[in-house]
Protein backbone atom coordinates (compact mmCIF):
# COMPACT_ATOMS: atom_id res chain seq x y z
CA MET A 1 -48.66 28.27 -18.44
CA GLY A 2 -50.30 28.03 -21.27
CA LEU A 3 -50.98 30.98 -23.42
CA VAL A 4 -55.01 30.60 -23.20
CA ARG A 5 -54.52 30.46 -19.30
CA SER A 6 -51.95 33.29 -19.25
CA ILE A 7 -54.54 35.30 -21.34
CA ALA A 8 -57.68 34.63 -18.85
CA TRP A 9 -55.06 35.75 -15.57
CA GLY A 10 -54.32 38.80 -17.99
CA ALA A 11 -57.19 39.73 -18.50
CA LEU A 12 -58.86 38.89 -14.37
CA PHE A 13 -56.04 40.89 -13.59
CA ALA A 14 -56.64 43.79 -15.94
CA THR A 15 -60.38 43.79 -15.05
CA ALA A 16 -59.81 43.83 -11.27
CA GLY A 17 -57.77 47.00 -11.97
CA ALA A 18 -60.49 48.48 -14.17
CA VAL A 19 -63.00 47.71 -10.89
CA VAL A 20 -60.84 49.22 -8.50
CA ALA A 21 -60.02 52.34 -9.86
CA GLY A 22 -63.58 52.68 -11.10
CA GLY A 23 -64.46 52.55 -7.36
CA TRP A 24 -66.30 49.77 -8.10
CA MET A 25 -65.03 47.30 -5.31
CA PRO A 26 -66.88 47.49 -1.98
CA GLY A 27 -65.04 49.66 0.48
CA SER A 28 -62.71 51.34 -2.40
CA SER A 29 -64.81 54.38 -2.79
CA SER A 30 -63.53 55.38 0.43
CA TRP A 31 -60.14 55.28 -0.62
CA ALA A 32 -57.96 57.79 -1.59
CA THR A 33 -56.93 58.70 -5.04
CA GLY A 34 -53.43 58.01 -4.83
CA PRO A 35 -53.60 54.37 -3.23
CA ARG A 36 -56.65 53.54 -5.80
CA ILE A 37 -54.60 54.70 -8.84
CA GLY A 38 -51.62 52.77 -7.67
CA ILE A 39 -53.31 49.51 -6.75
CA ALA A 40 -55.17 49.13 -9.97
CA THR A 41 -52.11 50.16 -11.66
CA LEU A 42 -50.75 47.71 -10.37
CA LEU A 43 -53.14 44.82 -11.59
CA ILE A 44 -53.27 46.40 -14.93
CA VAL A 45 -49.66 45.87 -15.13
CA LEU A 46 -49.27 42.55 -13.54
CA GLY A 47 -52.39 41.42 -16.21
CA LEU A 48 -50.39 42.95 -19.05
CA THR A 49 -46.87 41.09 -17.46
CA VAL A 50 -48.47 38.07 -17.37
CA VAL A 51 -49.80 38.03 -21.38
CA GLY A 52 -46.40 39.22 -22.27
CA PHE A 53 -44.16 36.46 -20.74
CA ALA A 54 -46.66 34.10 -21.89
CA ALA A 55 -45.98 35.38 -25.99
CA ALA A 56 -42.59 35.70 -25.32
CA PRO A 57 -41.49 32.52 -27.03
CA TRP A 58 -43.99 33.28 -30.07
CA VAL A 59 -42.30 36.84 -30.28
CA LEU A 60 -38.96 35.46 -30.14
CA ARG A 61 -39.73 32.41 -32.88
CA LYS A 62 -40.93 35.69 -35.51
CA THR A 63 -38.56 37.64 -34.65
CA THR A 64 -35.07 35.68 -34.04
CA ARG A 65 -32.96 35.49 -37.03
CA PRO A 66 -31.84 31.64 -36.90
CA ALA A 67 -28.29 30.79 -36.38
CA ASP A 68 -27.79 28.74 -39.48
CA TYR A 69 -29.82 30.84 -41.97
CA GLN A 70 -31.40 27.50 -42.83
CA GLY A 71 -29.44 26.55 -45.52
CA GLY A 72 -29.19 29.98 -46.98
CA CYS A 73 -27.26 33.24 -46.75
CA PRO A 74 -28.84 36.28 -45.78
CA VAL A 75 -28.88 39.58 -47.95
CA GLY A 76 -25.34 41.09 -48.76
CA ALA A 77 -23.76 37.40 -49.57
CA THR A 78 -21.65 37.31 -52.95
CA CYS A 79 -20.33 34.01 -54.87
CA ALA A 80 -17.31 33.40 -56.72
CA CYS A 81 -18.21 35.35 -60.04
CA GLY A 82 -18.94 38.57 -57.13
CA HIS A 83 -22.43 39.11 -57.54
CA PHE A 84 -23.87 40.84 -54.96
CA ASN A 85 -26.68 38.96 -53.24
CA PHE A 86 -30.01 41.32 -53.20
CA LYS A 87 -32.10 38.40 -51.37
CA PRO A 88 -31.70 35.37 -48.91
CA ARG A 89 -30.76 32.37 -51.53
CA LYS A 90 -28.54 29.08 -51.86
CA SER A 91 -27.14 30.03 -55.51
CA CYS A 92 -26.35 33.30 -57.54
CA LYS A 93 -28.92 34.43 -59.76
CA GLN A 94 -25.95 35.26 -62.18
CA CYS A 95 -23.99 32.21 -62.18
CA GLY A 96 -25.14 29.33 -60.53
CA MET A 97 -22.82 28.97 -57.95
CA ALA A 98 -23.09 28.94 -54.04
CA THR A 99 -23.12 32.26 -52.15
CA ALA A 100 -21.33 32.74 -49.14
CA PHE A 101 -21.66 35.06 -46.36
CA VAL A 102 -18.63 37.01 -44.80
CA ALA A 103 -19.29 39.09 -42.02
């Protein structure tokens, strides 16, 4: 399911939850407060979950560190001259040698 469809379904569930919570659904105004709040909470959480699962790949792409550092070394890499690397770069700022990261 695409992100747009997931957002639409999530909004639909959240709106249904708001309608039940407000007592605007026919027959729901006579329900006790407990079941009305429970069903509304279930619908709203279901809507947020649908949107959250659809957005998870995008969030992971933005927050996951690449395994190979895309050709560069991370902060903390050093080179042959021993200079500490404060920025992700492929070569040393001081001597121009390739940097190496040792975990």
